[in-house]
Amino acid sequence: TVSNQQSLHDFINKKTLLPISKQDKITNRILAWIVDDLQPFNAITNNCFRDMILEYEPRF
């Protein structure tokens, strides 16, 4: 028989998305930082910046 049950590995490693409202809040905070601190918009492509965001909120 074929099981539709998810494997334990898949369950543990499943990425759940953030609600759109939370994504918007984070995006707005990042934009406010860019504007307030006169950062270039490409600051978000910096690997250290991306690592920091992933550390704070891996689902973003």
C-alpha atoms as a PDB file:
ATOM      1  CA  THR A   1       0.000   0.000   0.000  1.00  0.00           C
ATOM      2  CA  VAL A   2       1.068   3.566  -0.647  1.00  0.00           C
ATOM      3  CA  SER A   3       1.206   5.872   2.347  1.00  0.00           C
ATOM      4  CA  ASN A   4       0.382   9.548   2.092  1.00  0.00           C
ATOM      5  CA  GLN A   5       1.929  10.140   5.494  1.00  0.00           C
ATOM      6  CA  GLN A   6       4.815  12.572   5.572  1.00  0.00           C
ATOM      7  CA  SER A   7       8.180  11.164   6.640  1.00  0.00           C
ATOM      8  CA  LEU A   8       9.705  12.360   9.913  1.00  0.00           C
ATOM      9  CA  HIS A   9      12.623  13.889   8.001  1.00  0.00           C
ATOM     10  CA  ASP A  10      10.279  15.860   5.741  1.00  0.00           C
ATOM     11  CA  PHE A  11       8.171  16.980   8.696  1.00  0.00           C
ATOM     12  CA  ILE A  12      11.180  18.265  10.649  1.00  0.00           C
ATOM     13  CA  ASN A  13      12.720  20.022   7.661  1.00  0.00           C
ATOM     14  CA  LYS A  14       9.484  21.515   6.363  1.00  0.00           C
ATOM     15  CA  LYS A  15       9.682  25.251   5.985  1.00  0.00           C
ATOM     16  CA  THR A  16       6.565  27.035   7.071  1.00  0.00           C
ATOM     17  CA  LEU A  17       6.063  30.437   5.558  1.00  0.00           C
ATOM     18  CA  LEU A  18       5.576  33.547   7.598  1.00  0.00           C
ATOM     19  CA  PRO A  19       2.188  35.184   7.406  1.00  0.00           C
ATOM     20  CA  ILE A  20       2.137  38.006   4.854  1.00  0.00           C
ATOM     21  CA  SER A  21       1.521  40.552   7.624  1.00  0.00           C
ATOM     22  CA  LYS A  22       4.735  39.479   9.396  1.00  0.00           C
ATOM     23  CA  GLN A  23       6.698  39.528   6.124  1.00  0.00           C
ATOM     24  CA  ASP A  24       5.435  43.058   5.483  1.00  0.00           C
ATOM     25  CA  LYS A  25       6.454  44.215   8.975  1.00  0.00           C
ATOM     26  CA  ILE A  26       9.982  42.864   8.532  1.00  0.00           C
ATOM     27  CA  THR A  27      10.278  44.349   5.044  1.00  0.00           C
ATOM     28  CA  ASN A  28       9.091  47.743   6.292  1.00  0.00           C
ATOM     29  CA  ARG A  29      11.610  47.678   9.158  1.00  0.00           C
ATOM     30  CA  ILE A  30      14.423  46.860   6.732  1.00  0.00           C
ATOM     31  CA  LEU A  31      13.351  49.672   4.405  1.00  0.00           C
ATOM     32  CA  ALA A  32      13.143  52.107   7.330  1.00  0.00           C
ATOM     33  CA  TRP A  33      16.695  51.140   8.338  1.00  0.00           C
ATOM     34  CA  ILE A  34      17.961  51.622   4.768  1.00  0.00           C
ATOM     35  CA  VAL A  35      16.374  55.074   4.512  1.00  0.00           C
ATOM     36  CA  ASP A  36      17.171  56.259   8.061  1.00  0.00           C
ATOM     37  CA  ASP A  37      20.784  55.089   7.951  1.00  0.00           C
ATOM     38  CA  LEU A  38      21.332  56.186   4.331  1.00  0.00           C
ATOM     39  CA  GLN A  39      22.269  52.645   3.375  1.00  0.00           C
ATOM     40  CA  PRO A  40      22.366  51.723  -0.314  1.00  0.00           C
ATOM     41  CA  PHE A  41      19.463  49.516  -1.366  1.00  0.00           C
ATOM     42  CA  ASN A  42      21.911  46.768  -2.348  1.00  0.00           C
ATOM     43  CA  ALA A  43      22.871  46.418   1.342  1.00  0.00           C
ATOM     44  CA  ILE A  44      20.314  43.614   1.504  1.00  0.00           C
ATOM     45  CA  THR A  45      22.389  41.548  -0.935  1.00  0.00           C
ATOM     46  CA  ASN A  46      25.337  41.501   1.469  1.00  0.00           C
ATOM     47  CA  ASN A  47      25.998  37.970   2.747  1.00  0.00           C
ATOM     48  CA  CYS A  48      26.435  39.143   6.346  1.00  0.00           C
ATOM     49  CA  PHE A  49      23.104  40.980   6.204  1.00  0.00           C
ATOM     50  CA  ARG A  50      21.374  37.899   4.799  1.00  0.00           C
ATOM     51  CA  ASP A  51      22.953  35.682   7.468  1.00  0.00           C
ATOM     52  CA  MET A  52      21.767  38.065  10.177  1.00  0.00           C
ATOM     53  CA  ILE A  53      18.186  38.053   8.860  1.00  0.00           C
ATOM     54  CA  LEU A  54      18.211  34.258   8.582  1.00  0.00           C
ATOM     55  CA  GLU A  55      19.441  34.020  12.168  1.00  0.00           C
ATOM     56  CA  TYR A  56      16.628  36.279  13.407  1.00  0.00           C
ATOM     57  CA  GLU A  57      13.881  34.783  11.261  1.00  0.00           C
ATOM     58  CA  PRO A  58      14.770  31.737   9.140  1.00  0.00           C
ATOM     59  CA  ARG A  59      11.385  31.742   7.417  1.00  0.00           C
ATOM     60  CA  PHE A  60      11.857  35.232   5.954  1.00  0.00           C
END
